[in-house]
Protein backbone atom coordinates (compact mmCIF):
# COMPACT_ATOMS: atom_id res chain seq x y z
CA MET A 1 55.51 111.07 106.36
CA ASN A 2 52.24 109.59 105.12
CA THR A 3 50.69 106.47 106.62
CA VAL A 4 49.23 103.82 104.32
CA LEU A 5 46.90 101.04 105.43
CA ILE A 6 47.56 97.86 103.43
CA THR A 7 45.25 94.86 103.72
CA ALA A 8 46.67 91.59 102.43
CA TYR A 9 44.93 88.25 102.91
CA ALA A 10 48.08 86.29 102.00
CA VAL A 11 51.43 87.30 103.53
CA ASN A 12 54.20 84.83 104.32
CA PRO A 13 57.92 85.62 103.86
CA TYR A 14 58.76 81.89 103.72
CA LYS A 15 56.61 81.29 100.64
CA GLY A 16 56.49 82.39 97.04
CA SER A 17 53.45 83.09 94.88
CA GLU A 18 50.65 85.15 96.48
CA ASP A 19 52.11 85.03 100.00
CA GLY A 20 55.57 86.14 98.89
CA MET A 21 54.11 88.90 96.75
CA GLY A 22 52.14 90.21 99.74
CA TRP A 23 55.25 90.27 101.91
CA ASN A 24 57.43 92.04 99.35
CA PHE A 25 54.84 94.66 98.40
CA ILE A 26 54.46 95.60 102.07
CA LEU A 27 58.23 95.97 102.53
CA GLN A 28 58.51 98.06 99.38
CA ALA A 29 55.70 100.36 100.49
CA ALA A 30 57.49 100.82 103.81
CA ARG A 31 60.59 102.20 102.05
CA PHE A 32 58.83 105.54 101.60
CA GLN A 33 56.06 105.80 104.21
CA LYS A 34 54.68 104.33 107.38
CA VAL A 35 52.55 101.23 106.81
CA VAL A 36 49.83 99.60 108.85
CA ALA A 37 49.61 96.09 107.38
CA VAL A 38 46.62 93.91 108.24
CA THR A 39 46.58 90.22 107.35
CA ARG A 40 45.13 86.95 108.63
CA GLU A 41 45.98 85.74 112.11
CA ASN A 42 47.57 82.52 110.86
CA ASN A 43 50.24 84.57 109.05
CA GLY A 44 51.40 86.22 112.28
CA PRO A 45 53.72 83.48 113.61
CA HIS A 46 55.52 83.21 110.24
CA ILE A 47 56.03 86.97 110.00
CA GLU A 48 57.30 87.26 113.59
CA ARG A 49 59.64 84.28 113.26
CA TYR A 50 61.07 85.56 109.99
CA LEU A 51 61.76 89.01 111.43
CA ALA A 52 63.45 87.41 114.46
CA GLU A 53 65.66 85.23 112.22
CA ASN A 54 66.51 87.94 109.66
CA PRO A 55 67.77 91.22 111.15
CA ALA A 56 68.10 92.80 107.71
CA ALA A 57 64.41 92.18 107.02
CA ALA A 58 63.55 93.59 110.43
CA VAL A 59 65.28 96.82 109.47
CA LEU A 60 63.24 97.02 106.26
CA ALA A 61 60.06 96.35 108.25
CA ALA A 62 60.77 99.03 110.85
CA ASN A 63 58.10 101.27 109.30
CA VAL A 64 55.48 98.48 109.35
CA ASP A 65 52.90 97.98 112.09
CA PHE A 66 51.59 94.44 111.54
CA ARG A 67 48.09 93.75 112.76
CA TYR A 68 45.95 90.63 112.46
CA PHE A 69 42.29 89.97 111.82
CA ASP A 70 40.25 86.87 111.14
CA LEU A 71 36.67 85.75 111.12
CA PRO A 72 35.43 83.60 114.01
CA ALA A 73 36.89 80.09 114.10
CA TRP A 74 33.51 78.46 113.50
CA THR A 75 33.38 80.05 110.00
CA ARG A 76 36.66 78.47 108.84
CA TRP A 77 35.84 74.78 108.78
CA TRP A 78 34.39 74.91 105.26
CA LYS A 79 37.28 76.94 103.74
CA LYS A 80 38.36 74.14 101.39
CA GLY A 81 39.30 74.21 97.73
CA PRO A 82 39.81 77.25 95.48
CA LEU A 83 36.15 78.24 95.11
CA LEU A 84 35.19 78.10 98.79
CA SER A 85 38.45 79.81 99.72
CA LEU A 86 37.56 82.72 97.46
CA ILE A 87 34.10 82.97 98.99
CA TYR A 88 35.72 82.94 102.42
CA PHE A 89 38.02 85.73 101.21
CA TYR A 90 34.93 87.75 100.25
CA MET A 91 33.51 87.31 103.75
CA TRP A 92 36.90 88.16 105.29
CA GLN A 93 36.98 91.44 103.40
CA VAL A 94 33.52 92.41 104.66
CA GLY A 95 34.41 91.57 108.26
CA LEU A 96 37.76 93.32 107.95
CA ALA A 97 36.20 96.60 106.82
CA VAL A 98 33.79 96.59 109.78
CA TRP A 99 36.66 95.78 112.16
CA LEU A 100 38.81 98.58 110.72
CA LEU A 101 35.99 101.11 111.14
CA ARG A 102 36.04 100.33 114.85
CA GLN A 103 39.83 100.70 115.04
CA LYS A 104 39.67 104.32 113.84
CA LEU A 105 43.21 104.22 112.48
CA ALA A 106 44.89 107.50 111.51
CA VAL A 107 45.87 106.71 107.90
CA ASP A 108 46.12 108.85 104.78
CA LEU A 109 45.48 106.18 102.14
CA VAL A 110 44.17 102.61 101.98
CA HIS A 111 45.45 99.85 99.71
CA ASN A 112 43.69 96.53 99.15
CA LEU A 113 46.61 94.39 98.05
CA ASN A 114 45.56 90.74 97.60
CA PHE A 115 44.06 88.17 96.68
CA HIS A 116 44.79 89.12 93.11
CA ASN A 117 41.49 88.64 91.31
CA ASP A 118 39.12 90.94 89.48
CA TRP A 119 35.78 89.48 90.55
CA THR A 120 35.70 90.05 94.32
CA PRO A 121 35.42 93.62 95.60
CA SER A 122 37.19 95.54 98.32
CA PHE A 123 35.27 97.23 101.12
CA LEU A 124 38.03 99.63 102.16
CA TRP A 125 36.13 102.51 100.55
CA LEU A 126 34.03 102.45 103.73
CA LEU A 127 36.99 104.08 105.52
CA GLY A 128 36.64 107.28 103.49
CA ARG A 129 40.27 107.49 102.39
CA PRO A 130 41.79 107.43 98.87
CA LEU A 131 41.76 103.80 97.72
CA VAL A 132 44.37 101.89 95.70
CA TRP A 133 43.16 98.47 94.54
CA GLY A 134 45.46 95.70 93.38
CA PRO A 135 47.43 94.40 91.62
CA ILE A 136 44.39 92.47 90.50
CA GLY A 137 44.52 89.82 87.81
CA HIS A 138 42.36 88.26 85.15
CA HIS A 139 42.65 84.74 83.77
CA PRO A 140 41.02 84.43 80.34
CA PRO A 141 39.33 81.04 79.83
CA ILE A 142 41.57 78.09 79.03
CA PRO A 143 41.00 77.25 75.33
CA ALA A 144 38.50 74.41 74.97
CA SER A 145 40.80 72.00 73.10
CA HIS A 146 43.42 72.39 75.84
CA LEU A 147 41.05 72.03 78.78
CA ALA A 148 39.37 68.99 77.19
CA GLN A 149 42.55 66.98 77.76
CA TYR A 150 41.69 66.82 81.47
CA GLY A 151 38.30 65.18 81.05
CA THR A 152 34.67 66.21 81.36
CA ALA A 153 34.70 66.87 85.11
CA ALA A 154 37.62 69.31 84.87
CA PHE A 155 36.05 71.01 81.85
CA VAL A 156 32.69 71.48 83.57
CA LYS A 157 34.30 72.69 86.83
CA ASP A 158 36.39 75.30 85.03
CA ARG A 159 33.47 76.62 83.02
CA LEU A 160 31.19 76.73 86.08
CA ILE A 161 33.74 78.85 87.94
CA GLY A 162 33.94 81.06 84.85
CA SER A 163 30.16 81.46 84.88
CA LEU A 164 30.25 82.38 88.57
CA LYS A 165 32.78 85.10 87.80
CA HIS A 166 30.47 86.49 85.11
CA ILE A 167 27.67 86.66 87.67
CA PHE A 168 29.86 88.73 90.02
CA TRP A 169 31.01 91.01 87.19
CA ALA A 170 27.43 91.62 86.09
CA LEU A 171 25.49 91.68 89.35
CA ASP A 172 27.69 92.42 92.36
CA PRO A 173 26.97 96.05 93.33
CA PHE A 174 30.00 96.18 95.63
CA LEU A 175 32.31 95.37 92.75
CA ARG A 176 30.92 98.36 90.87
CA VAL A 177 31.36 100.55 93.95
CA THR A 178 34.98 99.40 94.37
CA ARG A 179 35.71 100.18 90.74
CA ARG A 180 34.26 103.70 91.06
CA ALA A 181 35.81 104.41 94.47
CA SER A 182 39.37 103.42 93.53
CA GLU A 183 41.66 106.34 92.79
CA ARG A 184 43.99 103.90 91.05
CA VAL A 185 43.53 100.26 90.01
CA LEU A 186 46.74 98.26 89.61
CA CYS A 187 46.29 95.66 86.85
CA MET A 188 48.53 92.61 86.63
CA ASN A 189 48.00 92.30 82.89
CA SER A 190 46.27 93.91 79.93
CA ALA A 191 43.12 91.78 80.27
CA VAL A 192 41.93 93.40 83.52
CA ALA A 193 40.97 96.90 82.38
CA PRO A 194 38.72 95.79 79.48
CA ARG A 195 37.02 93.23 81.73
CA LEU A 196 36.20 95.87 84.37
CA GLY A 197 35.60 98.71 81.92
CA LEU A 198 38.30 100.93 83.45
CA PRO A 199 39.14 104.26 81.79
CA ALA A 200 42.80 104.82 80.95
CA SER A 201 43.13 107.53 83.62
CA ARG A 202 42.20 105.13 86.45
CA TYR A 203 44.48 102.15 85.98
CA GLU A 204 48.08 101.16 85.47
CA ILE A 205 49.77 97.88 84.52
CA VAL A 206 51.72 96.73 87.59
CA PRO A 207 52.60 93.02 87.48
CA SER A 208 52.37 91.34 90.86
CA VAL A 209 55.58 89.41 90.24
CA ALA A 210 59.10 90.66 90.82
CA VAL A 211 62.44 89.43 92.14
CA ASP A 212 65.53 90.45 94.01
CA LEU A 213 68.30 89.89 91.48
CA PRO A 214 70.53 86.95 92.45
CA ALA A 215 74.14 87.65 93.50
CA GLU A 216 75.49 85.97 90.36
CA PHE A 217 73.38 88.22 88.11
CA LEU A 218 76.39 90.36 87.27
CA GLU A 219 78.47 87.45 86.00
CA ALA A 220 79.55 88.33 82.48
CA VAL A 221 79.62 84.80 81.11
CA PRO A 222 77.02 82.16 82.10
CA VAL A 223 78.44 78.80 83.10
CA PRO A 224 78.07 76.26 80.22
CA LYS A 225 75.64 73.43 80.99
CA ALA A 226 76.49 69.78 80.36
CA HIS A 227 72.88 68.88 79.57
CA PHE A 228 70.00 70.50 77.71
CA THR A 229 67.59 70.64 80.63
CA VAL A 230 63.97 71.71 80.20
CA MET A 231 62.19 72.49 83.47
CA ILE A 232 58.83 73.58 84.84
CA ALA A 233 57.91 74.37 88.44
CA ALA A 234 54.26 74.79 89.41
CA ARG A 235 51.26 73.06 90.94
CA MET A 236 50.13 70.11 88.86
CA VAL A 237 46.72 71.48 87.87
CA PRO A 238 45.14 72.06 84.43
CA LEU A 239 45.88 75.80 84.53
CA LYS A 240 49.65 75.26 84.44
CA GLY A 241 49.94 73.08 81.31
CA PHE A 242 52.17 70.24 82.53
CA ASP A 243 50.66 67.91 79.95
CA MET A 244 51.78 70.23 77.16
CA VAL A 245 55.30 70.23 78.60
CA ILE A 246 55.47 66.43 78.57
CA LEU A 247 53.96 65.95 75.14
CA ALA A 248 55.97 68.69 73.41
CA PHE A 249 59.18 67.50 75.06
CA ALA A 250 58.43 63.92 73.96
CA LYS A 251 58.02 65.05 70.34
CA PHE A 252 61.27 67.03 70.54
CA TYR A 253 63.18 64.30 72.39
CA HIS A 254 62.29 61.36 70.17
CA ALA A 255 63.34 63.31 67.07
CA LEU A 256 66.89 63.73 68.43
CA PRO A 257 69.77 61.43 67.45
CA ALA A 258 70.58 58.87 70.16
CA ASP A 259 73.77 60.62 71.26
CA GLU A 260 71.87 63.90 71.72
CA GLN A 261 69.05 62.19 73.61
CA ALA A 262 71.61 61.22 76.25
CA LYS A 263 72.17 64.94 76.96
CA ALA A 264 68.51 66.00 77.07
CA ARG A 265 66.60 66.08 80.36
CA LEU A 266 63.11 67.02 81.52
CA LEU A 267 62.75 68.29 85.07
CA LEU A 268 59.23 68.45 86.52
CA ILE A 269 58.93 70.22 89.87
CA GLY A 270 55.62 70.22 91.68
CA SER A 271 52.73 68.16 92.93
CA GLY A 272 48.96 68.31 92.76
CA PRO A 273 45.82 66.50 91.66
CA GLU A 274 47.11 65.83 88.13
CA GLU A 275 50.30 64.12 89.30
CA GLY A 276 49.11 60.55 88.63
CA ARG A 277 47.95 61.33 85.11
CA LEU A 278 51.19 63.13 84.33
CA GLN A 279 53.27 60.19 85.54
CA GLN A 280 51.24 58.00 83.21
CA LEU A 281 52.01 60.34 80.30
CA LEU A 282 55.74 60.02 81.03
CA HIS A 283 55.47 56.23 80.79
CA GLU A 284 53.30 56.27 77.68
CA HIS A 285 55.75 58.50 75.84
CA LYS A 286 58.87 56.64 77.01
CA LEU A 287 60.38 59.53 78.94
CA THR A 288 61.10 57.83 82.26
CA ASP A 289 64.82 57.52 81.50
CA CYS A 290 65.30 61.24 80.80
CA ALA A 291 62.65 62.79 83.06
CA MET A 292 62.96 63.57 86.74
CA HIS A 293 60.07 64.52 89.02
CA ARG A 294 60.69 66.41 92.25
CA PRO A 295 57.89 67.21 94.69
CA TRP A 296 57.40 70.84 95.57
CA LEU A 297 60.65 72.27 96.98
CA ASP A 298 61.27 75.03 99.46
CA ARG A 299 62.20 78.35 97.96
CA GLN A 300 65.99 78.14 98.35
CA GLU A 301 66.15 74.67 96.77
CA LEU A 302 64.07 75.88 93.82
CA LEU A 303 66.33 78.88 93.25
CA ALA A 304 69.37 76.62 93.23
CA ILE A 305 67.81 74.39 90.57
CA TYR A 306 67.53 77.28 88.10
CA HIS A 307 71.29 76.92 87.66
CA GLU A 308 70.70 73.52 86.03
CA ALA A 309 68.08 74.67 83.53
CA SER A 310 68.55 75.58 79.88
CA VAL A 311 64.89 76.48 79.29
CA PHE A 312 61.97 77.20 81.60
CA PHE A 313 58.97 75.74 79.74
CA PHE A 314 55.84 77.34 81.19
CA PRO A 315 52.74 76.90 78.98
CA SER A 316 50.52 78.27 81.74
CA HIS A 317 47.13 79.84 81.02
CA GLU A 318 47.15 82.01 84.15
CA GLY A 319 47.50 85.78 84.19
CA ALA A 320 50.82 85.92 86.06
CA GLY A 321 53.58 83.61 87.32
CA MET A 322 56.27 84.42 89.89
CA VAL A 323 58.44 81.62 88.48
CA VAL A 324 58.67 83.47 85.15
CA ALA A 325 60.55 86.40 86.67
CA GLU A 326 62.65 84.08 88.83
CA ALA A 327 63.76 81.99 85.87
CA MET A 328 64.66 85.04 83.79
CA SER A 329 66.71 86.51 86.65
CA TYR A 330 68.91 83.40 86.49
CA GLY A 331 69.35 83.76 82.73
CA VAL A 332 66.90 80.95 81.93
CA PRO A 333 64.74 81.90 78.90
CA VAL A 334 61.02 81.20 79.21
CA LEU A 335 59.08 79.24 76.58
CA CYS A 336 55.38 80.07 76.87
CA TYR A 337 52.12 80.99 75.17
CA GLU A 338 51.66 84.44 73.67
CA ASN A 339 49.03 85.34 76.25
CA GLU A 340 48.21 87.93 78.93
CA GLY A 341 50.16 86.07 81.61
CA PRO A 342 53.67 84.72 80.99
CA GLY A 343 53.48 86.13 77.46
CA GLU A 344 53.35 89.68 78.83
CA LEU A 345 55.95 89.10 81.55
CA THR A 346 58.60 87.92 79.07
CA PRO A 347 60.47 90.25 76.66
CA ALA A 348 58.45 91.54 73.73
CA ALA A 349 61.34 90.67 71.41
CA SER A 350 61.55 87.03 72.52
CA SER A 351 61.03 84.40 69.84
CA LEU A 352 59.84 81.86 72.42
CA LYS A 353 56.14 82.79 72.54
CA VAL A 354 53.67 80.50 70.83
CA PRO A 355 50.21 81.76 69.74
CA TYR A 356 47.22 79.71 70.83
CA LYS A 357 46.08 77.16 68.27
CA SER A 358 44.60 73.69 68.73
CA PHE A 359 46.17 71.56 71.45
CA ASN A 360 47.84 69.19 68.98
CA HIS A 361 49.11 72.04 66.83
CA ASN A 362 50.67 73.70 69.88
CA ILE A 363 52.48 70.47 70.75
CA LYS A 364 54.22 70.73 67.36
CA ASP A 365 54.91 74.47 67.81
CA PHE A 366 56.54 74.06 71.22
CA ALA A 367 58.56 71.03 70.09
CA GLU A 368 59.95 73.12 67.22
CA ARG A 369 60.97 75.92 69.60
CA LEU A 370 62.78 73.40 71.80
CA ARG A 371 64.63 72.05 68.78
CA TYR A 372 65.66 75.58 67.70
CA LEU A 373 67.11 76.26 71.16
CA HIS A 374 68.81 72.88 71.34
CA ASP A 375 70.42 73.18 67.91
CA SER A 376 71.48 76.83 68.25
CA PRO A 377 73.62 77.69 71.28
CA ARG A 378 73.83 81.22 69.91
CA LEU A 379 70.02 81.59 69.97
CA LEU A 380 69.85 80.12 73.47
CA ALA A 381 72.52 82.54 74.72
CA ALA A 382 70.77 85.50 73.07
CA GLU A 383 67.43 84.61 74.65
CA ALA A 384 69.13 84.15 78.03
CA ALA A 385 70.76 87.59 77.81
CA LEU A 386 67.48 89.17 76.68
CA SER A 387 65.70 87.64 79.66
CA ARG A 388 68.30 88.92 82.11
CA ARG A 389 68.10 92.47 80.75
CA HIS A 390 64.31 92.42 80.74
CA VAL A 391 63.89 91.31 84.33
CA ALA A 392 66.47 93.84 85.53
CA GLN A 393 64.62 96.67 83.78
CA HIS A 394 61.02 95.72 84.56
CA HIS A 395 60.61 93.09 87.26
CA THR A 396 62.65 93.91 90.36
CA TRP A 397 61.18 94.62 93.79
CA GLU A 398 63.07 97.92 93.86
CA ARG A 399 61.18 99.00 90.76
CA ARG A 400 57.86 97.90 92.29
CA GLY A 401 58.62 100.06 95.33
CA GLN A 402 59.24 103.07 93.12
CA GLN A 403 56.00 102.42 91.25
CA LEU A 404 54.05 102.16 94.50
CA GLN A 405 55.47 105.42 95.83
CA ARG A 406 54.52 107.31 92.66
CA ILE A 407 51.04 105.77 92.58
CA TYR A 408 50.40 106.60 96.24
CA GLN A 409 51.44 110.22 95.70
CA GLU A 410 49.18 110.53 92.65
CA ALA A 411 46.25 109.01 94.57
CA LEU A 412 46.75 111.40 97.49
CA ALA A 413 46.94 114.37 95.14
CA ALA A 414 43.80 113.45 93.18
């Protein structure tokens, strides 16, 4: 049996997003080979507690040797905000590679798993073993008319971070080395390979999101819903598009007859720096009677809420989205942009993808899609069934494990 070294900055079985992805990828890798998994020290207590509380997970993790590494404590005080956290991640990767060289681990292959971005390199090539890199992601720039809604400061900050990424892509020699040294690059979406100039023989599309299908997945007939509930769950930041959700829902809602308005609801789940502005938008557009805001929920509460939703409205500009696969697994169709993120995770045949246009034009487009779904139970049911089939075929953790096993074998044979 081969032994794979997996390095993952973010691993926490109690969380979703990046942390949950790290945890599940490690367990899936361990289905077929021994795994040495190295993550940050602060993840250790969560991993050990979860394994103690969940015997079934402990069985799955029997092939995993968890180890922990971190930079000295005095380097962590400035790790604040997304930009500095990514710079800290860069430093962590350098220190990790040096630490691993001293460990002299007997492994056959190395896999740099996360963070999932395409502008910071891996240094695992220093270990002299076949390297798998990713899944790594790419977020194309938020369209200017959409980003402008958040004010000058947000616009400038986003574009400065974009410029910094361009500097790394153009000038970082270690990024070029990582690209050349990787036997296989796992790309979260179709935007990664062109950005890094990867030849077709060196990369594969492997989304970082997947789900374990819920127990009720096999139910033949979904339970009818008393209300037409539109929901979104995410951090309240410009990238996620909460303002578009509110404005498009307002246009849809106020065009409904009064008796239908009584059955329409908007459910906003999340918190973040944009929360105050979004609350103001709800008041301005007279949605306080039909809208409900819930702060960020733990994972089990969030999964339960999918049962209430008719539509998951996710006009996010990011290159992924765990909530997209989760919603589809519960038979909740996803309304989104036709982009490299949610647009590629949802079924190709779905009619619920909106091409990018101006911000105001997209408000109208999304409001029309909501009206189509509201007025046509048959369309809503068809989109729900399409979503369920799609996630079962393409976005389960079992499938990710099979993909990893094949990719590892191909990398070892190269």
